[in-house]
């Protein structure tokens, strides 16, 4: 008995995930996309993994540039998440944003919860996606609440009851 893509998506949507925008720059070309599939891979050396649709223009730019940056979004950045997820914004995603440039040359989105800059260590084909493994070159965390995603919608984190 197999699992359909719809069933798999529905089940995976029941996990809480952070929301990030992956960016890359190759020459004059700058691209970015929203992802919720990213994770740490190794502490020593520090490695992280980003899963990108194989047809993504951002994936092409990551491959050509040899690096990428991750801006883990803050709780007030739903609009940025939607902008970088929507194809209607393709080619205009960075409009009006005062981005800082990472060591890799990739843009770091302003106001994010955290920034991580990576050199591309490896890519692995995995079904309809490509797994990009990045060696962490720089990171910093800002004191703002992160944006969370669960069951098809954005969520805010509530403090645990400390009784």
C-alpha atoms as a PDB file:
ATOM      1  CA  UNK A   1       0.000   0.000   0.000  1.00  0.00           C
ATOM      2  CA  UNK A   2       1.575   3.276  -1.118  1.00  0.00           C
ATOM      3  CA  UNK A   3       1.338   6.804   0.201  1.00  0.00           C
ATOM      4  CA  UNK A   4       0.141   9.524  -2.158  1.00  0.00           C
ATOM      5  CA  UNK A   5       1.929  12.877  -2.389  1.00  0.00           C
ATOM      6  CA  UNK A   6      -1.183  14.540  -0.930  1.00  0.00           C
ATOM      7  CA  UNK A   7      -1.236  12.204   2.087  1.00  0.00           C
ATOM      8  CA  UNK A   8       2.490  12.708   2.657  1.00  0.00           C
ATOM      9  CA  UNK A   9       2.172  16.502   2.445  1.00  0.00           C
ATOM     10  CA  UNK A  10      -0.766  16.507   4.895  1.00  0.00           C
ATOM     11  CA  UNK A  11       1.153  14.400   7.412  1.00  0.00           C
ATOM     12  CA  UNK A  12       4.375  16.424   7.126  1.00  0.00           C
ATOM     13  CA  UNK A  13       2.328  19.596   7.563  1.00  0.00           C
ATOM     14  CA  UNK A  14       1.524  18.449  11.083  1.00  0.00           C
ATOM     15  CA  UNK A  15       5.027  19.188  12.286  1.00  0.00           C
ATOM     16  CA  UNK A  16       5.928  22.655  13.468  1.00  0.00           C
ATOM     17  CA  UNK A  17       8.722  24.199  11.433  1.00  0.00           C
ATOM     18  CA  UNK A  18      10.595  27.438  11.242  1.00  0.00           C
ATOM     19  CA  UNK A  19      10.277  29.531   8.103  1.00  0.00           C
ATOM     20  CA  UNK A  20      13.316  30.802   6.247  1.00  0.00           C
ATOM     21  CA  UNK A  21      14.263  32.465   3.010  1.00  0.00           C
ATOM     22  CA  UNK A  22      17.244  30.974   1.185  1.00  0.00           C
ATOM     23  CA  UNK A  23      19.139  33.450  -0.984  1.00  0.00           C
ATOM     24  CA  UNK A  24      22.046  33.245  -3.413  1.00  0.00           C
ATOM     25  CA  UNK A  25      23.972  35.539  -5.745  1.00  0.00           C
ATOM     26  CA  UNK A  26      25.838  34.516  -8.896  1.00  0.00           C
ATOM     27  CA  UNK A  27      27.272  37.581 -10.606  1.00  0.00           C
ATOM     28  CA  UNK A  28      24.404  40.064 -11.110  1.00  0.00           C
ATOM     29  CA  UNK A  29      21.730  37.415 -10.578  1.00  0.00           C
ATOM     30  CA  UNK A  30      20.123  37.395  -7.128  1.00  0.00           C
ATOM     31  CA  UNK A  31      17.486  34.824  -6.185  1.00  0.00           C
ATOM     32  CA  UNK A  32      15.578  33.763  -3.106  1.00  0.00           C
ATOM     33  CA  UNK A  33      12.833  31.373  -2.045  1.00  0.00           C
ATOM     34  CA  UNK A  34      10.863  30.553   1.093  1.00  0.00           C
ATOM     35  CA  UNK A  35      11.582  27.168   2.683  1.00  0.00           C
ATOM     36  CA  UNK A  36      10.403  25.308   5.736  1.00  0.00           C
ATOM     37  CA  UNK A  37      12.600  22.288   5.020  1.00  0.00           C
ATOM     38  CA  UNK A  38      15.981  23.079   6.521  1.00  0.00           C
ATOM     39  CA  UNK A  39      17.862  21.391   9.327  1.00  0.00           C
ATOM     40  CA  UNK A  40      21.213  21.062  11.019  1.00  0.00           C
ATOM     41  CA  UNK A  41      23.279  18.111   9.814  1.00  0.00           C
ATOM     42  CA  UNK A  42      26.498  18.249  11.830  1.00  0.00           C
ATOM     43  CA  UNK A  43      27.969  20.204  14.734  1.00  0.00           C
ATOM     44  CA  UNK A  44      31.603  19.503  13.864  1.00  0.00           C
ATOM     45  CA  UNK A  45      31.983  20.776  11.245  1.00  0.00           C
ATOM     46  CA  UNK A  46      28.816  22.901  11.344  1.00  0.00           C
ATOM     47  CA  UNK A  47      26.658  21.849   8.390  1.00  0.00           C
ATOM     48  CA  UNK A  48      23.053  22.520   7.476  1.00  0.00           C
ATOM     49  CA  UNK A  49      20.737  21.169   4.827  1.00  0.00           C
ATOM     50  CA  UNK A  50      18.200  22.981   2.675  1.00  0.00           C
ATOM     51  CA  UNK A  51      15.738  21.140   0.462  1.00  0.00           C
ATOM     52  CA  UNK A  52      14.996  22.866  -2.859  1.00  0.00           C
ATOM     53  CA  UNK A  53      12.577  21.968  -5.630  1.00  0.00           C
ATOM     54  CA  UNK A  54      14.670  20.767  -8.557  1.00  0.00           C
ATOM     55  CA  UNK A  55      12.946  23.287 -10.889  1.00  0.00           C
ATOM     56  CA  UNK A  56      13.678  26.263  -8.626  1.00  0.00           C
ATOM     57  CA  UNK A  57      15.526  29.208 -10.145  1.00  0.00           C
ATOM     58  CA  UNK A  58      17.099  29.773  -6.730  1.00  0.00           C
ATOM     59  CA  UNK A  59      18.590  26.259  -6.844  1.00  0.00           C
ATOM     60  CA  UNK A  60      20.252  27.118 -10.165  1.00  0.00           C
ATOM     61  CA  UNK A  61      21.774  30.227  -8.591  1.00  0.00           C
ATOM     62  CA  UNK A  62      22.960  28.316  -5.501  1.00  0.00           C
ATOM     63  CA  UNK A  63      24.670  25.777  -7.751  1.00  0.00           C
ATOM     64  CA  UNK A  64      26.377  28.458  -9.874  1.00  0.00           C
ATOM     65  CA  UNK A  65      27.437  30.602  -6.919  1.00  0.00           C
ATOM     66  CA  UNK A  66      28.739  27.816  -4.697  1.00  0.00           C
ATOM     67  CA  UNK A  67      27.072  29.291  -1.636  1.00  0.00           C
ATOM     68  CA  UNK A  68      23.839  30.456  -0.069  1.00  0.00           C
ATOM     69  CA  UNK A  69      22.451  32.280   2.948  1.00  0.00           C
ATOM     70  CA  UNK A  70      19.509  31.486   5.158  1.00  0.00           C
ATOM     71  CA  UNK A  71      17.427  34.215   6.822  1.00  0.00           C
ATOM     72  CA  UNK A  72      15.255  32.549   9.467  1.00  0.00           C
ATOM     73  CA  UNK A  73      12.226  34.810   9.574  1.00  0.00           C
ATOM     74  CA  UNK A  74      10.873  36.680  12.579  1.00  0.00           C
ATOM     75  CA  UNK A  75       7.266  36.401  13.750  1.00  0.00           C
ATOM     76  CA  UNK A  76       6.303  39.673  12.025  1.00  0.00           C
ATOM     77  CA  UNK A  77       7.648  38.623   8.599  1.00  0.00           C
ATOM     78  CA  UNK A  78       4.719  36.644   7.167  1.00  0.00           C
ATOM     79  CA  UNK A  79       4.581  39.077   4.239  1.00  0.00           C
ATOM     80  CA  UNK A  80       8.225  38.347   3.359  1.00  0.00           C
ATOM     81  CA  UNK A  81       7.565  34.616   3.572  1.00  0.00           C
ATOM     82  CA  UNK A  82       4.640  34.978   1.177  1.00  0.00           C
ATOM     83  CA  UNK A  83       6.596  37.255  -1.174  1.00  0.00           C
ATOM     84  CA  UNK A  84       9.467  34.780  -1.534  1.00  0.00           C
ATOM     85  CA  UNK A  85       7.034  31.841  -1.912  1.00  0.00           C
ATOM     86  CA  UNK A  86       4.857  33.387  -4.630  1.00  0.00           C
ATOM     87  CA  UNK A  87       5.765  33.110  -8.303  1.00  0.00           C
ATOM     88  CA  UNK A  88       4.009  36.449  -8.960  1.00  0.00           C
ATOM     89  CA  UNK A  89       6.921  38.134  -7.138  1.00  0.00           C
ATOM     90  CA  UNK A  90       9.595  36.317  -9.181  1.00  0.00           C
ATOM     91  CA  UNK A  91      12.141  38.868 -10.388  1.00  0.00           C
ATOM     92  CA  UNK A  92      10.894  41.483  -7.847  1.00  0.00           C
ATOM     93  CA  UNK A  93      11.343  39.674  -4.536  1.00  0.00           C
ATOM     94  CA  UNK A  94      14.107  41.968  -3.297  1.00  0.00           C
ATOM     95  CA  UNK A  95      12.343  45.227  -4.254  1.00  0.00           C
ATOM     96  CA  UNK A  96      12.481  47.777  -1.457  1.00  0.00           C
ATOM     97  CA  UNK A  97      14.518  45.570   0.888  1.00  0.00           C
ATOM     98  CA  UNK A  98      17.698  46.977   2.456  1.00  0.00           C
ATOM     99  CA  UNK A  99      19.610  43.700   2.497  1.00  0.00           C
ATOM    100  CA  UNK A 100      23.048  43.220   3.947  1.00  0.00           C
ATOM    101  CA  UNK A 101      25.485  41.132   1.888  1.00  0.00           C
ATOM    102  CA  UNK A 102      26.824  37.896   3.381  1.00  0.00           C
ATOM    103  CA  UNK A 103      30.351  36.580   2.816  1.00  0.00           C
ATOM    104  CA  UNK A 104      28.943  34.374   0.027  1.00  0.00           C
ATOM    105  CA  UNK A 105      27.487  37.475  -1.641  1.00  0.00           C
ATOM    106  CA  UNK A 106      23.940  36.311  -0.863  1.00  0.00           C
ATOM    107  CA  UNK A 107      21.502  38.869   0.558  1.00  0.00           C
ATOM    108  CA  UNK A 108      20.572  38.708   4.251  1.00  0.00           C
ATOM    109  CA  UNK A 109      16.997  39.859   4.814  1.00  0.00           C
ATOM    110  CA  UNK A 110      16.569  42.690   7.315  1.00  0.00           C
ATOM    111  CA  UNK A 111      14.731  42.032  10.575  1.00  0.00           C
ATOM    112  CA  UNK A 112      15.224  38.253  10.537  1.00  0.00           C
ATOM    113  CA  UNK A 113      15.406  36.090  13.659  1.00  0.00           C
ATOM    114  CA  UNK A 114      18.742  34.615  12.492  1.00  0.00           C
ATOM    115  CA  UNK A 115      21.170  34.730   9.560  1.00  0.00           C
ATOM    116  CA  UNK A 116      23.373  31.853   8.417  1.00  0.00           C
ATOM    117  CA  UNK A 117      25.843  32.052   5.529  1.00  0.00           C
ATOM    118  CA  UNK A 118      27.120  28.859   3.894  1.00  0.00           C
ATOM    119  CA  UNK A 119      29.474  27.603   1.242  1.00  0.00           C
ATOM    120  CA  UNK A 120      27.922  24.799  -0.802  1.00  0.00           C
ATOM    121  CA  UNK A 121      29.525  21.505   0.295  1.00  0.00           C
ATOM    122  CA  UNK A 122      27.364  18.973  -1.559  1.00  0.00           C
ATOM    123  CA  UNK A 123      24.140  18.453  -3.455  1.00  0.00           C
ATOM    124  CA  UNK A 124      22.119  15.239  -3.479  1.00  0.00           C
ATOM    125  CA  UNK A 125      19.190  14.423  -5.741  1.00  0.00           C
ATOM    126  CA  UNK A 126      16.177  13.289  -3.704  1.00  0.00           C
ATOM    127  CA  UNK A 127      12.954  12.711  -5.640  1.00  0.00           C
ATOM    128  CA  UNK A 128      11.589  16.020  -6.925  1.00  0.00           C
ATOM    129  CA  UNK A 129      14.020  17.989  -4.732  1.00  0.00           C
ATOM    130  CA  UNK A 130      17.746  18.562  -4.389  1.00  0.00           C
ATOM    131  CA  UNK A 131      19.321  18.575  -0.930  1.00  0.00           C
ATOM    132  CA  UNK A 132      21.904  21.342  -0.576  1.00  0.00           C
ATOM    133  CA  UNK A 133      24.407  20.816   2.234  1.00  0.00           C
ATOM    134  CA  UNK A 134      26.100  24.003   3.368  1.00  0.00           C
ATOM    135  CA  UNK A 135      29.199  24.496   5.465  1.00  0.00           C
ATOM    136  CA  UNK A 136      28.384  27.294   7.900  1.00  0.00           C
ATOM    137  CA  UNK A 137      30.764  30.242   7.503  1.00  0.00           C
ATOM    138  CA  UNK A 138      28.920  32.829   9.599  1.00  0.00           C
ATOM    139  CA  UNK A 139      25.830  33.024  11.757  1.00  0.00           C
ATOM    140  CA  UNK A 140      24.128  35.418  14.090  1.00  0.00           C
ATOM    141  CA  UNK A 141      20.927  35.400  16.087  1.00  0.00           C
ATOM    142  CA  UNK A 142      18.777  38.450  16.772  1.00  0.00           C
ATOM    143  CA  UNK A 143      16.554  38.813  19.839  1.00  0.00           C
ATOM    144  CA  UNK A 144      13.184  38.578  18.089  1.00  0.00           C
ATOM    145  CA  UNK A 145      10.573  35.826  18.069  1.00  0.00           C
ATOM    146  CA  UNK A 146      10.749  33.352  15.141  1.00  0.00           C
ATOM    147  CA  UNK A 147       7.996  32.732  12.593  1.00  0.00           C
ATOM    148  CA  UNK A 148       6.515  29.230  12.871  1.00  0.00           C
ATOM    149  CA  UNK A 149       4.457  27.232  10.375  1.00  0.00           C
ATOM    150  CA  UNK A 150       2.021  24.445  11.239  1.00  0.00           C
ATOM    151  CA  UNK A 151      -0.816  22.691   9.409  1.00  0.00           C
ATOM    152  CA  UNK A 152      -0.895  25.128   6.498  1.00  0.00           C
ATOM    153  CA  UNK A 153      -0.677  28.360   8.485  1.00  0.00           C
ATOM    154  CA  UNK A 154       1.614  30.692  10.371  1.00  0.00           C
ATOM    155  CA  UNK A 155       1.682  30.397  14.152  1.00  0.00           C
ATOM    156  CA  UNK A 156       3.107  32.254  17.112  1.00  0.00           C
ATOM    157  CA  UNK A 157       4.912  30.533  19.929  1.00  0.00           C
ATOM    158  CA  UNK A 158       3.431  30.662  23.398  1.00  0.00           C
ATOM    159  CA  UNK A 159       5.593  30.379  26.502  1.00  0.00           C
ATOM    160  CA  UNK A 160       5.366  27.068  28.316  1.00  0.00           C
ATOM    161  CA  UNK A 161       3.378  27.030  31.520  1.00  0.00           C
ATOM    162  CA  UNK A 162       6.063  27.076  34.199  1.00  0.00           C
ATOM    163  CA  UNK A 163       4.023  25.641  37.095  1.00  0.00           C
END
